C-alpha atoms as a PDB file:
ATOM      1  CA  MET A   1      -3.462   1.717   9.359  1.00  0.00           C
ATOM      2  CA  ALA A   2      -3.398  -1.901  10.513  1.00  0.00           C
ATOM      3  CA  LEU A   3      -3.492  -2.691  14.654  1.00  0.00           C
ATOM      4  CA  VAL A   4      -0.223  -4.155  15.799  1.00  0.00           C
ATOM      5  CA  LYS A   5      -1.183  -7.929  16.390  1.00  0.00           C
ATOM      6  CA  LYS A   6       0.595  -7.547  19.942  1.00  0.00           C
ATOM      7  CA  GLY A   7      -2.043  -6.681  22.608  1.00  0.00           C
ATOM      8  CA  SER A   8      -4.639  -7.218  20.166  1.00  0.00           C
ATOM      9  CA  ARG A   9      -7.702  -9.754  20.547  1.00  0.00           C
ATOM     10  CA  LEU A  10      -9.241 -11.804  17.582  1.00  0.00           C
ATOM     11  CA  MET A  11     -12.990 -12.280  18.442  1.00  0.00           C
ATOM     12  CA  ASN A  12     -15.414 -13.925  15.280  1.00  0.00           C
ATOM     13  CA  VAL A  13     -18.771 -11.900  14.822  1.00  0.00           C
ATOM     14  CA  ASP A  14     -21.267 -13.565  12.815  1.00  0.00           C
ATOM     15  CA  ASP A  15     -18.384 -16.446  11.061  1.00  0.00           C
ATOM     16  CA  THR A  16     -15.970 -13.057  10.275  1.00  0.00           C
ATOM     17  CA  ALA A  17     -13.053 -12.593  12.430  1.00  0.00           C
ATOM     18  CA  TYR A  18     -12.006  -9.522  13.502  1.00  0.00           C
ATOM     19  CA  ARG A  19      -9.393  -8.021  15.513  1.00  0.00           C
ATOM     20  CA  TRP A  20      -9.861  -5.075  18.670  1.00  0.00           C
ATOM     21  CA  GLN A  21      -7.409  -3.140  21.191  1.00  0.00           C
ATOM     22  CA  LEU A  22      -7.541  -0.477  23.654  1.00  0.00           C
ATOM     23  CA  ARG A  23      -5.112   1.938  23.563  1.00  0.00           C
ATOM     24  CA  GLY A  24      -2.415   0.883  26.300  1.00  0.00           C
ATOM     25  CA  ARG A  25      -1.839   4.306  27.786  1.00  0.00           C
ATOM     26  CA  PRO A  26      -4.561   6.541  27.632  1.00  0.00           C
ATOM     27  CA  THR A  27      -4.562   9.880  25.780  1.00  0.00           C
ATOM     28  CA  TYR A  28      -4.078  13.184  27.856  1.00  0.00           C
ATOM     29  CA  ASP A  29      -7.477  14.290  28.046  1.00  0.00           C
ATOM     30  CA  GLN A  30      -8.333  10.909  28.782  1.00  0.00           C
ATOM     31  CA  GLY A  31      -6.204  10.092  31.591  1.00  0.00           C
ATOM     32  CA  LEU A  32      -7.938  13.608  32.904  1.00  0.00           C
ATOM     33  CA  VAL A  33     -10.954  11.772  32.095  1.00  0.00           C
ATOM     34  CA  ARG A  34     -12.894  14.471  29.928  1.00  0.00           C
ATOM     35  CA  SER A  35     -12.542  12.608  26.972  1.00  0.00           C
ATOM     36  CA  PRO A  36     -14.358   8.788  26.676  1.00  0.00           C
ATOM     37  CA  LEU A  37     -11.908   5.673  25.698  1.00  0.00           C
ATOM     38  CA  ALA A  38     -12.177   4.253  22.314  1.00  0.00           C
ATOM     39  CA  TYR A  39     -10.507   1.020  20.625  1.00  0.00           C
ATOM     40  CA  ALA A  40      -9.848  -0.020  16.863  1.00  0.00           C
ATOM     41  CA  VAL A  41     -11.677  -3.011  15.027  1.00  0.00           C
ATOM     42  CA  GLU A  42     -10.433  -3.967  11.613  1.00  0.00           C
ATOM     43  CA  LEU A  43     -10.631  -7.307   9.850  1.00  0.00           C
ATOM     44  CA  ALA A  44      -8.130 -10.350  11.218  1.00  0.00           C
ATOM     45  CA  ASP A  45      -6.900 -11.495   7.801  1.00  0.00           C
ATOM     46  CA  THR A  46      -7.076  -8.661   5.619  1.00  0.00           C
ATOM     47  CA  PRO A  47      -7.162  -5.101   7.112  1.00  0.00           C
ATOM     48  CA  GLY A  48      -9.287  -2.440   5.153  1.00  0.00           C
ATOM     49  CA  THR A  49     -11.323   0.573   6.547  1.00  0.00           C
ATOM     50  CA  THR A  50     -10.512   0.705  10.575  1.00  0.00           C
ATOM     51  CA  LEU A  51     -13.453   0.924  12.843  1.00  0.00           C
ATOM     52  CA  VAL A  52     -12.900   3.377  15.914  1.00  0.00           C
ATOM     53  CA  VAL A  53     -15.217   2.913  18.310  1.00  0.00           C
ATOM     54  CA  THR A  54     -16.128   5.621  21.077  1.00  0.00           C
ATOM     55  CA  THR A  55     -17.640   4.501  24.210  1.00  0.00           C
ATOM     56  CA  SER A  56     -19.105   6.078  27.483  1.00  0.00           C
ATOM     57  CA  GLN A  57     -16.770   5.012  29.710  1.00  0.00           C
ATOM     58  CA  PRO A  58     -13.831   6.137  31.088  1.00  0.00           C
ATOM     59  CA  HIS A  59     -10.418   4.883  30.081  1.00  0.00           C
ATOM     60  CA  PRO A  60      -9.579   2.079  32.491  1.00  0.00           C
ATOM     61  CA  SER A  61      -5.463   3.878  33.390  1.00  0.00           C
ATOM     62  CA  ASN A  62      -6.797   7.476  33.834  1.00  0.00           C
ATOM     63  CA  TRP A  63      -5.260   9.095  36.248  1.00  0.00           C
ATOM     64  CA  PHE A  64      -8.104   9.930  39.059  1.00  0.00           C
ATOM     65  CA  GLY A  65      -8.480   6.172  39.837  1.00  0.00           C
ATOM     66  CA  THR A  66     -12.457   6.736  37.750  1.00  0.00           C
ATOM     67  CA  GLN A  67     -13.674   3.359  37.310  1.00  0.00           C
ATOM     68  CA  ASP A  68     -16.037   1.891  34.954  1.00  0.00           C
ATOM     69  CA  SER A  69     -16.854  -2.030  33.689  1.00  0.00           C
ATOM     70  CA  PRO A  70     -14.306  -3.196  31.481  1.00  0.00           C
ATOM     71  CA  ILE A  71     -15.308  -3.565  27.751  1.00  0.00           C
ATOM     72  CA  LEU A  72     -16.048  -7.701  27.202  1.00  0.00           C
ATOM     73  CA  PRO A  73     -16.162  -8.791  24.140  1.00  0.00           C
ATOM     74  CA  ALA A  74     -19.665  -9.024  23.499  1.00  0.00           C
ATOM     75  CA  GLN A  75     -19.756  -5.406  23.710  1.00  0.00           C
ATOM     76  CA  ALA A  76     -17.030  -5.188  20.962  1.00  0.00           C
ATOM     77  CA  ALA A  77     -19.388  -7.698  18.380  1.00  0.00           C
ATOM     78  CA  ASP A  78     -22.407  -5.294  19.329  1.00  0.00           C
ATOM     79  CA  SER A  79     -20.199  -2.733  18.395  1.00  0.00           C
ATOM     80  CA  ILE A  80     -19.184  -4.302  15.398  1.00  0.00           C
ATOM     81  CA  ARG A  81     -22.467  -4.830  14.499  1.00  0.00           C
ATOM     82  CA  ALA A  82     -24.159  -1.559  14.842  1.00  0.00           C
ATOM     83  CA  ALA A  83     -20.747  -0.359  12.902  1.00  0.00           C
ATOM     84  CA  LEU A  84     -22.245  -2.833   9.988  1.00  0.00           C
ATOM     85  CA  THR A  85     -25.307  -1.269  10.091  1.00  0.00           C
ATOM     86  CA  ASP A  86     -24.418   2.439   9.846  1.00  0.00           C
ATOM     87  CA  GLY A  87     -22.275   1.360   6.175  1.00  0.00           C
ATOM     88  CA  TRP A  88     -18.587   0.664   7.885  1.00  0.00           C
ATOM     89  CA  THR A  89     -17.455  -1.657   4.898  1.00  0.00           C
ATOM     90  CA  PRO A  90     -14.063  -3.554   6.666  1.00  0.00           C
ATOM     91  CA  GLN A  91     -12.922  -5.040   3.811  1.00  0.00           C
ATOM     92  CA  SER A  92     -12.375  -1.393   1.378  1.00  0.00           C
ATOM     93  CA  PRO A  93      -9.725   0.566   1.765  1.00  0.00           C
ATOM     94  CA  GLY A  94     -10.137   4.064   3.209  1.00  0.00           C
ATOM     95  CA  SER A  95     -10.432   6.189   6.295  1.00  0.00           C
ATOM     96  CA  PRO A  96     -11.326   5.048   9.348  1.00  0.00           C
ATOM     97  CA  PHE A  97     -15.388   4.230  10.430  1.00  0.00           C
ATOM     98  CA  HIS A  98     -16.037   6.160  13.841  1.00  0.00           C
ATOM     99  CA  LEU A  99     -18.702   5.022  15.850  1.00  0.00           C
ATOM    100  CA  ASP A 100     -20.314   7.313  18.607  1.00  0.00           C
ATOM    101  CA  GLN A 101     -21.422   5.478  21.754  1.00  0.00           C
ATOM    102  CA  SER A 102     -20.114   8.061  24.039  1.00  0.00           C
ATOM    103  CA  ALA A 103     -24.093   8.999  24.933  1.00  0.00           C
ATOM    104  CA  GLY A 104     -23.727   9.197  28.612  1.00  0.00           C
ATOM    105  CA  PHE A 105     -20.350  10.196  29.385  1.00  0.00           C
ATOM    106  CA  VAL A 106     -19.658  12.322  31.984  1.00  0.00           C
ATOM    107  CA  PRO A 107     -16.496  13.976  32.443  1.00  0.00           C
ATOM    108  CA  SER A 108     -14.886  14.483  35.819  1.00  0.00           C
ATOM    109  CA  HIS A 109     -13.143  17.481  35.826  1.00  0.00           C
END
């Protein structure tokens, strides 16, 4: 499934254009800070397999006001490089590729 263009951001990583997007509203568990923030990445022009990155941070719109630093484009670029090293093939169709970077996430409740 391709990401919608509205609300997503473009970025170039090693001369390849990607589109990435955070979910606007938290899931129930993200709202309760029981599960960490995740975001999706795909090729900008010809989407194939979507990369889903699970971070160690709470969703910024959680219901308890727990805050952390925002996800920066440089962090997303590092995650893309890590996923490519781990075998993500963004140009091929298929199920989402999950990159778990949630080590250190502490649920607040």
